[in-house]
């Protein structure tokens, strides 16, 4: 791992329909060989940030209006997804991540680049379930197995930077734990750089080196993942149950507390 960030985002702003600011002033660094977690509740701007980095902004009505995104020191703002994929920026999306009507083996074979630095056999070593279900249609896999397959396909695309959107979505806690541990193992063994976007802050920060917390399209906390896990405000607002996180808003409650101190 080097000190210079592989990915650098500076003062990024994304606007919807030319009027609604989805993210504003977001800055983050992803050092080479590290896992960085971008966490926050629904609507915080996590997926929009990831799509801006990967080039998958959903329509012409969504645009990067300010800031910069650099990969290996080269500005990549506004590049098309296929251009970024060729440069090694590989996205595992939140949904529709595998070809449901193809077998597991055909999904992996389809994704594999001729110059891939990892083999399908190595993917099977990381995810034995995929070997066992090699001939099964991907559409009939469990949610956790589909995530395994999606990660395996991404690894065969020879990523320089792996972007993963909501790995834990809809999965049981035991499946989440297994996937997170496997992702950490892959990063360490392959020296792979990963930016992980997650609503499940505790799971993501437990394997990350560094973390950023988004709220209302802005970074409200950043630091070493271990420090964020122990930070009292992060614990209160982002490490509880999903239901509690949705009911609370860090900015609103912090403002309320400031007012109480002022008037009290």
C-alpha atoms as a PDB file:
ATOM      1  CA  UNK A   1       0.000   0.000   0.000  1.00  0.00           C
ATOM      2  CA  UNK A   2       1.326   3.432  -0.892  1.00  0.00           C
ATOM      3  CA  UNK A   3       0.644   6.802   0.716  1.00  0.00           C
ATOM      4  CA  UNK A   4      -0.616   8.410  -2.505  1.00  0.00           C
ATOM      5  CA  UNK A   5      -4.317   7.736  -3.097  1.00  0.00           C
ATOM      6  CA  UNK A   6      -5.217   5.618  -6.102  1.00  0.00           C
ATOM      7  CA  UNK A   7      -8.575   7.409  -6.279  1.00  0.00           C
ATOM      8  CA  UNK A   8      -9.007  11.024  -5.259  1.00  0.00           C
ATOM      9  CA  UNK A   9     -12.334  12.873  -5.179  1.00  0.00           C
ATOM     10  CA  UNK A  10     -12.306  16.600  -4.500  1.00  0.00           C
ATOM     11  CA  UNK A  11     -15.290  18.868  -3.815  1.00  0.00           C
ATOM     12  CA  UNK A  12     -17.594  16.753  -5.980  1.00  0.00           C
ATOM     13  CA  UNK A  13     -21.034  18.154  -6.752  1.00  0.00           C
ATOM     14  CA  UNK A  14     -23.787  16.276  -8.607  1.00  0.00           C
ATOM     15  CA  UNK A  15     -27.059  17.947  -9.583  1.00  0.00           C
ATOM     16  CA  UNK A  16     -30.359  16.317 -10.601  1.00  0.00           C
ATOM     17  CA  UNK A  17     -32.628  18.034 -13.138  1.00  0.00           C
ATOM     18  CA  UNK A  18     -30.334  21.083 -13.042  1.00  0.00           C
ATOM     19  CA  UNK A  19     -31.817  22.220  -9.722  1.00  0.00           C
ATOM     20  CA  UNK A  20     -31.584  19.528  -7.014  1.00  0.00           C
ATOM     21  CA  UNK A  21     -28.124  19.026  -5.525  1.00  0.00           C
ATOM     22  CA  UNK A  22     -27.661  15.343  -4.709  1.00  0.00           C
ATOM     23  CA  UNK A  23     -24.130  15.599  -3.346  1.00  0.00           C
ATOM     24  CA  UNK A  24     -22.195  18.728  -2.512  1.00  0.00           C
ATOM     25  CA  UNK A  25     -18.530  19.198  -1.722  1.00  0.00           C
ATOM     26  CA  UNK A  26     -17.747  15.495  -1.266  1.00  0.00           C
ATOM     27  CA  UNK A  27     -14.028  14.763  -0.962  1.00  0.00           C
ATOM     28  CA  UNK A  28     -12.465  11.382  -0.297  1.00  0.00           C
ATOM     29  CA  UNK A  29      -9.250   9.424  -0.821  1.00  0.00           C
ATOM     30  CA  UNK A  30      -8.897   5.720  -1.569  1.00  0.00           C
ATOM     31  CA  UNK A  31      -5.278   4.614  -1.058  1.00  0.00           C
ATOM     32  CA  UNK A  32      -3.934   1.800  -3.205  1.00  0.00           C
ATOM     33  CA  UNK A  33      -4.485  -1.635  -1.688  1.00  0.00           C
ATOM     34  CA  UNK A  34      -6.967  -0.400   0.908  1.00  0.00           C
ATOM     35  CA  UNK A  35     -10.649  -0.900   1.623  1.00  0.00           C
ATOM     36  CA  UNK A  36     -12.544   2.362   2.090  1.00  0.00           C
ATOM     37  CA  UNK A  37     -16.147   2.373   3.294  1.00  0.00           C
ATOM     38  CA  UNK A  38     -18.637   5.058   2.295  1.00  0.00           C
ATOM     39  CA  UNK A  39     -21.582   4.702   4.659  1.00  0.00           C
ATOM     40  CA  UNK A  40     -24.814   6.463   5.568  1.00  0.00           C
ATOM     41  CA  UNK A  41     -28.568   6.010   5.611  1.00  0.00           C
ATOM     42  CA  UNK A  42     -30.929   5.853   2.616  1.00  0.00           C
ATOM     43  CA  UNK A  43     -30.783   9.006   0.504  1.00  0.00           C
ATOM     44  CA  UNK A  44     -27.442  10.156   1.905  1.00  0.00           C
ATOM     45  CA  UNK A  45     -25.841  10.303  -1.551  1.00  0.00           C
ATOM     46  CA  UNK A  46     -23.709   7.150  -1.380  1.00  0.00           C
ATOM     47  CA  UNK A  47     -24.876   5.539  -4.611  1.00  0.00           C
ATOM     48  CA  UNK A  48     -24.820   8.855  -6.486  1.00  0.00           C
ATOM     49  CA  UNK A  49     -21.192   9.316  -5.463  1.00  0.00           C
ATOM     50  CA  UNK A  50     -20.357   5.804  -6.649  1.00  0.00           C
ATOM     51  CA  UNK A  51     -22.153   6.322  -9.951  1.00  0.00           C
ATOM     52  CA  UNK A  52     -20.312   9.582 -10.535  1.00  0.00           C
ATOM     53  CA  UNK A  53     -16.996   7.781 -10.022  1.00  0.00           C
ATOM     54  CA  UNK A  54     -17.958   4.823 -12.262  1.00  0.00           C
ATOM     55  CA  UNK A  55     -19.603   6.911 -14.999  1.00  0.00           C
ATOM     56  CA  UNK A  56     -23.017   5.314 -14.447  1.00  0.00           C
ATOM     57  CA  UNK A  57     -25.005   8.480 -13.751  1.00  0.00           C
ATOM     58  CA  UNK A  58     -28.523   7.409 -14.740  1.00  0.00           C
ATOM     59  CA  UNK A  59     -29.556  10.015 -17.328  1.00  0.00           C
ATOM     60  CA  UNK A  60     -28.745  13.280 -19.032  1.00  0.00           C
ATOM     61  CA  UNK A  61     -30.647  15.052 -16.251  1.00  0.00           C
ATOM     62  CA  UNK A  62     -27.936  14.109 -13.753  1.00  0.00           C
ATOM     63  CA  UNK A  63     -24.550  15.767 -14.068  1.00  0.00           C
ATOM     64  CA  UNK A  64     -21.280  16.450 -12.284  1.00  0.00           C
ATOM     65  CA  UNK A  65     -21.331  20.232 -11.976  1.00  0.00           C
ATOM     66  CA  UNK A  66     -18.221  20.806  -9.885  1.00  0.00           C
ATOM     67  CA  UNK A  67     -15.179  19.104  -8.422  1.00  0.00           C
ATOM     68  CA  UNK A  68     -12.743  16.520  -9.716  1.00  0.00           C
ATOM     69  CA  UNK A  69     -12.271  12.753  -9.770  1.00  0.00           C
ATOM     70  CA  UNK A  70      -8.772  11.428 -10.436  1.00  0.00           C
ATOM     71  CA  UNK A  71      -7.539   7.852 -10.848  1.00  0.00           C
ATOM     72  CA  UNK A  72      -3.783   7.286 -10.623  1.00  0.00           C
ATOM     73  CA  UNK A  73      -3.391  11.054 -10.941  1.00  0.00           C
ATOM     74  CA  UNK A  74      -5.456  11.280 -14.151  1.00  0.00           C
ATOM     75  CA  UNK A  75      -8.738  13.199 -14.214  1.00  0.00           C
ATOM     76  CA  UNK A  76     -11.668  10.915 -15.131  1.00  0.00           C
ATOM     77  CA  UNK A  77     -14.656  13.249 -14.742  1.00  0.00           C
ATOM     78  CA  UNK A  78     -17.409  12.512 -17.231  1.00  0.00           C
ATOM     79  CA  UNK A  79     -15.867   9.450 -18.845  1.00  0.00           C
ATOM     80  CA  UNK A  80     -18.216   6.767 -20.140  1.00  0.00           C
ATOM     81  CA  UNK A  81     -18.579   3.530 -18.131  1.00  0.00           C
ATOM     82  CA  UNK A  82     -16.903   1.383 -20.807  1.00  0.00           C
ATOM     83  CA  UNK A  83     -13.917   3.737 -20.861  1.00  0.00           C
ATOM     84  CA  UNK A  84     -13.575   3.542 -17.093  1.00  0.00           C
ATOM     85  CA  UNK A  85     -13.996  -0.237 -17.111  1.00  0.00           C
ATOM     86  CA  UNK A  86     -11.171  -0.480 -19.647  1.00  0.00           C
ATOM     87  CA  UNK A  87      -9.053   1.598 -17.247  1.00  0.00           C
ATOM     88  CA  UNK A  88      -9.844  -0.877 -14.460  1.00  0.00           C
ATOM     89  CA  UNK A  89     -12.717   0.843 -12.629  1.00  0.00           C
ATOM     90  CA  UNK A  90     -15.130  -2.061 -12.137  1.00  0.00           C
ATOM     91  CA  UNK A  91     -18.543  -1.654 -10.511  1.00  0.00           C
ATOM     92  CA  UNK A  92     -20.565  -4.324  -8.718  1.00  0.00           C
ATOM     93  CA  UNK A  93     -23.992  -2.636  -8.821  1.00  0.00           C
ATOM     94  CA  UNK A  94     -26.730  -2.740  -6.229  1.00  0.00           C
ATOM     95  CA  UNK A  95     -29.124  -4.686  -8.487  1.00  0.00           C
ATOM     96  CA  UNK A  96     -29.123  -6.698 -11.740  1.00  0.00           C
ATOM     97  CA  UNK A  97     -25.568  -7.869 -11.159  1.00  0.00           C
ATOM     98  CA  UNK A  98     -25.594 -11.288 -12.904  1.00  0.00           C
ATOM     99  CA  UNK A  99     -27.062 -12.819 -16.070  1.00  0.00           C
ATOM    100  CA  UNK A 100     -30.014 -14.748 -14.654  1.00  0.00           C
ATOM    101  CA  UNK A 101     -30.551 -17.006 -17.700  1.00  0.00           C
ATOM    102  CA  UNK A 102     -26.923 -18.134 -17.910  1.00  0.00           C
ATOM    103  CA  UNK A 103     -25.285 -20.740 -15.721  1.00  0.00           C
ATOM    104  CA  UNK A 104     -22.851 -19.758 -12.996  1.00  0.00           C
ATOM    105  CA  UNK A 105     -19.945 -21.043 -15.098  1.00  0.00           C
ATOM    106  CA  UNK A 106     -21.137 -19.154 -18.196  1.00  0.00           C
ATOM    107  CA  UNK A 107     -21.431 -15.932 -16.171  1.00  0.00           C
ATOM    108  CA  UNK A 108     -17.819 -16.293 -15.077  1.00  0.00           C
ATOM    109  CA  UNK A 109     -16.619 -17.240 -18.552  1.00  0.00           C
ATOM    110  CA  UNK A 110     -18.449 -14.275 -20.072  1.00  0.00           C
ATOM    111  CA  UNK A 111     -16.816 -11.842 -17.630  1.00  0.00           C
ATOM    112  CA  UNK A 112     -13.279 -13.206 -17.895  1.00  0.00           C
ATOM    113  CA  UNK A 113     -10.843 -11.000 -19.814  1.00  0.00           C
ATOM    114  CA  UNK A 114      -8.114 -12.735 -21.827  1.00  0.00           C
ATOM    115  CA  UNK A 115      -5.498 -10.939 -19.726  1.00  0.00           C
ATOM    116  CA  UNK A 116      -7.243 -11.527 -16.389  1.00  0.00           C
ATOM    117  CA  UNK A 117      -4.749 -11.865 -13.547  1.00  0.00           C
ATOM    118  CA  UNK A 118      -6.961 -14.338 -11.688  1.00  0.00           C
ATOM    119  CA  UNK A 119      -8.453 -17.634 -12.879  1.00  0.00           C
ATOM    120  CA  UNK A 120     -11.948 -19.049 -12.527  1.00  0.00           C
ATOM    121  CA  UNK A 121     -10.372 -21.769 -10.371  1.00  0.00           C
ATOM    122  CA  UNK A 122      -9.151 -19.065  -7.978  1.00  0.00           C
ATOM    123  CA  UNK A 123     -12.679 -17.626  -7.885  1.00  0.00           C
ATOM    124  CA  UNK A 124     -13.926 -21.086  -6.923  1.00  0.00           C
ATOM    125  CA  UNK A 125     -11.310 -21.209  -4.152  1.00  0.00           C
ATOM    126  CA  UNK A 126     -12.639 -17.940  -2.732  1.00  0.00           C
ATOM    127  CA  UNK A 127     -16.278 -18.953  -3.219  1.00  0.00           C
ATOM    128  CA  UNK A 128     -16.691 -22.768  -3.063  1.00  0.00           C
ATOM    129  CA  UNK A 129     -20.479 -22.385  -3.415  1.00  0.00           C
ATOM    130  CA  UNK A 130     -19.922 -21.241  -7.006  1.00  0.00           C
ATOM    131  CA  UNK A 131     -18.016 -24.434  -7.819  1.00  0.00           C
ATOM    132  CA  UNK A 132     -20.833 -26.509  -6.348  1.00  0.00           C
ATOM    133  CA  UNK A 133     -23.446 -24.619  -8.390  1.00  0.00           C
ATOM    134  CA  UNK A 134     -21.388 -24.279 -11.548  1.00  0.00           C
ATOM    135  CA  UNK A 135     -24.094 -25.608 -13.889  1.00  0.00           C
ATOM    136  CA  UNK A 136     -27.031 -23.939 -12.108  1.00  0.00           C
ATOM    137  CA  UNK A 137     -28.788 -20.942 -13.667  1.00  0.00           C
ATOM    138  CA  UNK A 138     -27.669 -17.780 -11.891  1.00  0.00           C
ATOM    139  CA  UNK A 139     -31.264 -16.634 -11.505  1.00  0.00           C
ATOM    140  CA  UNK A 140     -31.889 -19.465  -9.040  1.00  0.00           C
ATOM    141  CA  UNK A 141     -28.998 -18.617  -6.719  1.00  0.00           C
ATOM    142  CA  UNK A 142     -29.607 -17.223  -3.256  1.00  0.00           C
ATOM    143  CA  UNK A 143     -28.961 -13.536  -2.640  1.00  0.00           C
ATOM    144  CA  UNK A 144     -25.604 -14.238  -1.037  1.00  0.00           C
ATOM    145  CA  UNK A 145     -24.548 -16.554  -3.865  1.00  0.00           C
ATOM    146  CA  UNK A 146     -25.457 -13.905  -6.440  1.00  0.00           C
ATOM    147  CA  UNK A 147     -23.195 -11.486  -4.605  1.00  0.00           C
ATOM    148  CA  UNK A 148     -20.394 -14.052  -4.661  1.00  0.00           C
ATOM    149  CA  UNK A 149     -20.891 -14.524  -8.397  1.00  0.00           C
ATOM    150  CA  UNK A 150     -20.982 -10.774  -9.039  1.00  0.00           C
ATOM    151  CA  UNK A 151     -17.721 -10.273  -7.123  1.00  0.00           C
ATOM    152  CA  UNK A 152     -16.146 -13.205  -8.968  1.00  0.00           C
ATOM    153  CA  UNK A 153     -17.169 -11.744 -12.322  1.00  0.00           C
ATOM    154  CA  UNK A 154     -15.758  -8.351 -11.310  1.00  0.00           C
ATOM    155  CA  UNK A 155     -12.421  -9.893 -10.304  1.00  0.00           C
ATOM    156  CA  UNK A 156     -12.158 -11.536 -13.731  1.00  0.00           C
ATOM    157  CA  UNK A 157     -12.426  -8.077 -15.328  1.00  0.00           C
ATOM    158  CA  UNK A 158      -8.988  -7.240 -13.927  1.00  0.00           C
ATOM    159  CA  UNK A 159      -9.980  -4.346 -11.663  1.00  0.00           C
ATOM    160  CA  UNK A 160      -7.589  -1.637 -10.579  1.00  0.00           C
ATOM    161  CA  UNK A 161     -10.358  -0.200  -8.419  1.00  0.00           C
ATOM    162  CA  UNK A 162     -13.357  -2.291  -7.353  1.00  0.00           C
ATOM    163  CA  UNK A 163     -16.538  -0.371  -6.528  1.00  0.00           C
ATOM    164  CA  UNK A 164     -19.221  -2.295  -4.615  1.00  0.00           C
ATOM    165  CA  UNK A 165     -22.703  -0.901  -4.044  1.00  0.00           C
ATOM    166  CA  UNK A 166     -24.666  -2.269  -1.043  1.00  0.00           C
ATOM    167  CA  UNK A 167     -23.076  -5.696  -0.662  1.00  0.00           C
ATOM    168  CA  UNK A 168     -25.303  -6.533   2.320  1.00  0.00           C
ATOM    169  CA  UNK A 169     -28.649  -5.557   0.761  1.00  0.00           C
ATOM    170  CA  UNK A 170     -31.343  -8.095   1.630  1.00  0.00           C
ATOM    171  CA  UNK A 171     -28.944 -10.639   3.129  1.00  0.00           C
ATOM    172  CA  UNK A 172     -29.010 -12.455   6.451  1.00  0.00           C
ATOM    173  CA  UNK A 173     -26.375 -11.412   9.037  1.00  0.00           C
ATOM    174  CA  UNK A 174     -24.420 -14.663   8.668  1.00  0.00           C
ATOM    175  CA  UNK A 175     -24.200 -14.193   4.880  1.00  0.00           C
ATOM    176  CA  UNK A 176     -23.115 -10.570   5.321  1.00  0.00           C
ATOM    177  CA  UNK A 177     -20.355 -11.570   7.723  1.00  0.00           C
ATOM    178  CA  UNK A 178     -19.071 -14.284   5.374  1.00  0.00           C
ATOM    179  CA  UNK A 179     -19.041 -11.956   2.356  1.00  0.00           C
ATOM    180  CA  UNK A 180     -17.318  -9.144   4.220  1.00  0.00           C
ATOM    181  CA  UNK A 181     -14.618 -11.477   5.521  1.00  0.00           C
ATOM    182  CA  UNK A 182     -14.071 -12.907   2.051  1.00  0.00           C
ATOM    183  CA  UNK A 183     -13.813  -9.415   0.570  1.00  0.00           C
ATOM    184  CA  UNK A 184     -11.195  -8.486   3.162  1.00  0.00           C
ATOM    185  CA  UNK A 185      -9.250 -11.649   2.341  1.00  0.00           C
ATOM    186  CA  UNK A 186      -9.369 -10.905  -1.398  1.00  0.00           C
ATOM    187  CA  UNK A 187      -8.162  -7.349  -0.894  1.00  0.00           C
ATOM    188  CA  UNK A 188      -5.235  -8.461   1.251  1.00  0.00           C
ATOM    189  CA  UNK A 189      -4.158 -11.392  -0.927  1.00  0.00           C
ATOM    190  CA  UNK A 190      -4.524  -9.613  -4.281  1.00  0.00           C
ATOM    191  CA  UNK A 191      -3.574  -6.114  -3.120  1.00  0.00           C
ATOM    192  CA  UNK A 192      -6.930  -4.984  -4.508  1.00  0.00           C
ATOM    193  CA  UNK A 193      -8.247  -1.479  -3.863  1.00  0.00           C
ATOM    194  CA  UNK A 194     -11.939  -1.403  -2.899  1.00  0.00           C
ATOM    195  CA  UNK A 195     -14.463   1.375  -2.349  1.00  0.00           C
ATOM    196  CA  UNK A 196     -17.425  -0.137  -0.535  1.00  0.00           C
ATOM    197  CA  UNK A 197     -20.730   1.744  -0.356  1.00  0.00           C
ATOM    198  CA  UNK A 198     -22.925   0.434   2.459  1.00  0.00           C
ATOM    199  CA  UNK A 199     -25.964   1.282   4.534  1.00  0.00           C
ATOM    200  CA  UNK A 200     -24.800  -1.372   7.000  1.00  0.00           C
ATOM    201  CA  UNK A 201     -22.114   0.846   8.499  1.00  0.00           C
ATOM    202  CA  UNK A 202     -21.001  -1.602  11.177  1.00  0.00           C
ATOM    203  CA  UNK A 203     -20.369  -4.411   8.709  1.00  0.00           C
ATOM    204  CA  UNK A 204     -18.513  -2.169   6.262  1.00  0.00           C
ATOM    205  CA  UNK A 205     -16.361  -0.388   8.828  1.00  0.00           C
ATOM    206  CA  UNK A 206     -15.442  -3.708  10.447  1.00  0.00           C
ATOM    207  CA  UNK A 207     -13.353  -4.650   7.378  1.00  0.00           C
ATOM    208  CA  UNK A 208     -12.369  -1.182   6.113  1.00  0.00           C
ATOM    209  CA  UNK A 209      -9.131   0.697   6.659  1.00  0.00           C
ATOM    210  CA  UNK A 210     -10.772   4.095   6.358  1.00  0.00           C
ATOM    211  CA  UNK A 211     -14.340   5.365   6.329  1.00  0.00           C
ATOM    212  CA  UNK A 212     -16.510   8.302   5.317  1.00  0.00           C
ATOM    213  CA  UNK A 213     -20.027   8.969   6.594  1.00  0.00           C
ATOM    214  CA  UNK A 214     -22.411  10.803   4.276  1.00  0.00           C
ATOM    215  CA  UNK A 215     -25.507  12.693   5.421  1.00  0.00           C
ATOM    216  CA  UNK A 216     -27.611  14.820   3.084  1.00  0.00           C
ATOM    217  CA  UNK A 217     -25.031  14.661   0.304  1.00  0.00           C
ATOM    218  CA  UNK A 218     -22.126  15.823   2.489  1.00  0.00           C
ATOM    219  CA  UNK A 219     -19.350  14.122   4.428  1.00  0.00           C
ATOM    220  CA  UNK A 220     -20.096  14.545   8.134  1.00  0.00           C
ATOM    221  CA  UNK A 221     -17.423  12.186   9.520  1.00  0.00           C
ATOM    222  CA  UNK A 222     -14.221  10.670   8.173  1.00  0.00           C
ATOM    223  CA  UNK A 223     -11.278   8.856   9.650  1.00  0.00           C
ATOM    224  CA  UNK A 224      -9.784   5.474  10.352  1.00  0.00           C
ATOM    225  CA  UNK A 225     -12.499   2.840  10.377  1.00  0.00           C
ATOM    226  CA  UNK A 226     -11.630   1.726  13.911  1.00  0.00           C
ATOM    227  CA  UNK A 227     -11.953   5.317  15.146  1.00  0.00           C
ATOM    228  CA  UNK A 228     -15.354   5.732  13.482  1.00  0.00           C
ATOM    229  CA  UNK A 229     -16.593   2.480  15.024  1.00  0.00           C
ATOM    230  CA  UNK A 230     -15.808   3.860  18.473  1.00  0.00           C
ATOM    231  CA  UNK A 231     -16.957   7.456  17.843  1.00  0.00           C
ATOM    232  CA  UNK A 232     -20.014   8.186  20.068  1.00  0.00           C
ATOM    233  CA  UNK A 233     -21.973  10.111  17.414  1.00  0.00           C
ATOM    234  CA  UNK A 234     -21.278   7.526  14.726  1.00  0.00           C
ATOM    235  CA  UNK A 235     -22.334   4.785  17.124  1.00  0.00           C
ATOM    236  CA  UNK A 236     -25.542   6.622  18.030  1.00  0.00           C
ATOM    237  CA  UNK A 237     -26.679   7.605  14.554  1.00  0.00           C
ATOM    238  CA  UNK A 238     -25.246   4.989  12.203  1.00  0.00           C
ATOM    239  CA  UNK A 239     -24.384   1.789  14.062  1.00  0.00           C
ATOM    240  CA  UNK A 240     -27.806   0.973  15.500  1.00  0.00           C
ATOM    241  CA  UNK A 241     -30.549  -0.970  13.773  1.00  0.00           C
ATOM    242  CA  UNK A 242     -31.628   0.091  10.287  1.00  0.00           C
ATOM    243  CA  UNK A 243     -34.954   1.249  11.712  1.00  0.00           C
ATOM    244  CA  UNK A 244     -33.303   3.492  14.271  1.00  0.00           C
ATOM    245  CA  UNK A 245     -30.972   4.950  11.646  1.00  0.00           C
ATOM    246  CA  UNK A 246     -33.885   5.894   9.388  1.00  0.00           C
ATOM    247  CA  UNK A 247     -35.733   7.624  12.226  1.00  0.00           C
ATOM    248  CA  UNK A 248     -32.765   9.769  13.209  1.00  0.00           C
ATOM    249  CA  UNK A 249     -30.995  12.430  11.238  1.00  0.00           C
ATOM    250  CA  UNK A 250     -27.568  13.467  12.421  1.00  0.00           C
ATOM    251  CA  UNK A 251     -27.766  17.032  11.111  1.00  0.00           C
ATOM    252  CA  UNK A 252     -31.251  17.723  12.459  1.00  0.00           C
ATOM    253  CA  UNK A 253     -30.560  16.369  15.933  1.00  0.00           C
ATOM    254  CA  UNK A 254     -27.158  18.052  16.202  1.00  0.00           C
ATOM    255  CA  UNK A 255     -28.807  21.360  15.291  1.00  0.00           C
ATOM    256  CA  UNK A 256     -31.488  20.742  17.922  1.00  0.00           C
ATOM    257  CA  UNK A 257     -28.837  20.059  20.560  1.00  0.00           C
ATOM    258  CA  UNK A 258     -26.993  23.249  19.661  1.00  0.00           C
ATOM    259  CA  UNK A 259     -30.219  25.220  20.065  1.00  0.00           C
ATOM    260  CA  UNK A 260     -30.870  23.657  23.467  1.00  0.00           C
ATOM    261  CA  UNK A 261     -27.384  24.593  24.642  1.00  0.00           C
ATOM    262  CA  UNK A 262     -27.870  28.132  23.300  1.00  0.00           C
ATOM    263  CA  UNK A 263     -31.278  28.745  24.885  1.00  0.00           C
ATOM    264  CA  UNK A 264     -30.783  26.590  27.967  1.00  0.00           C
END
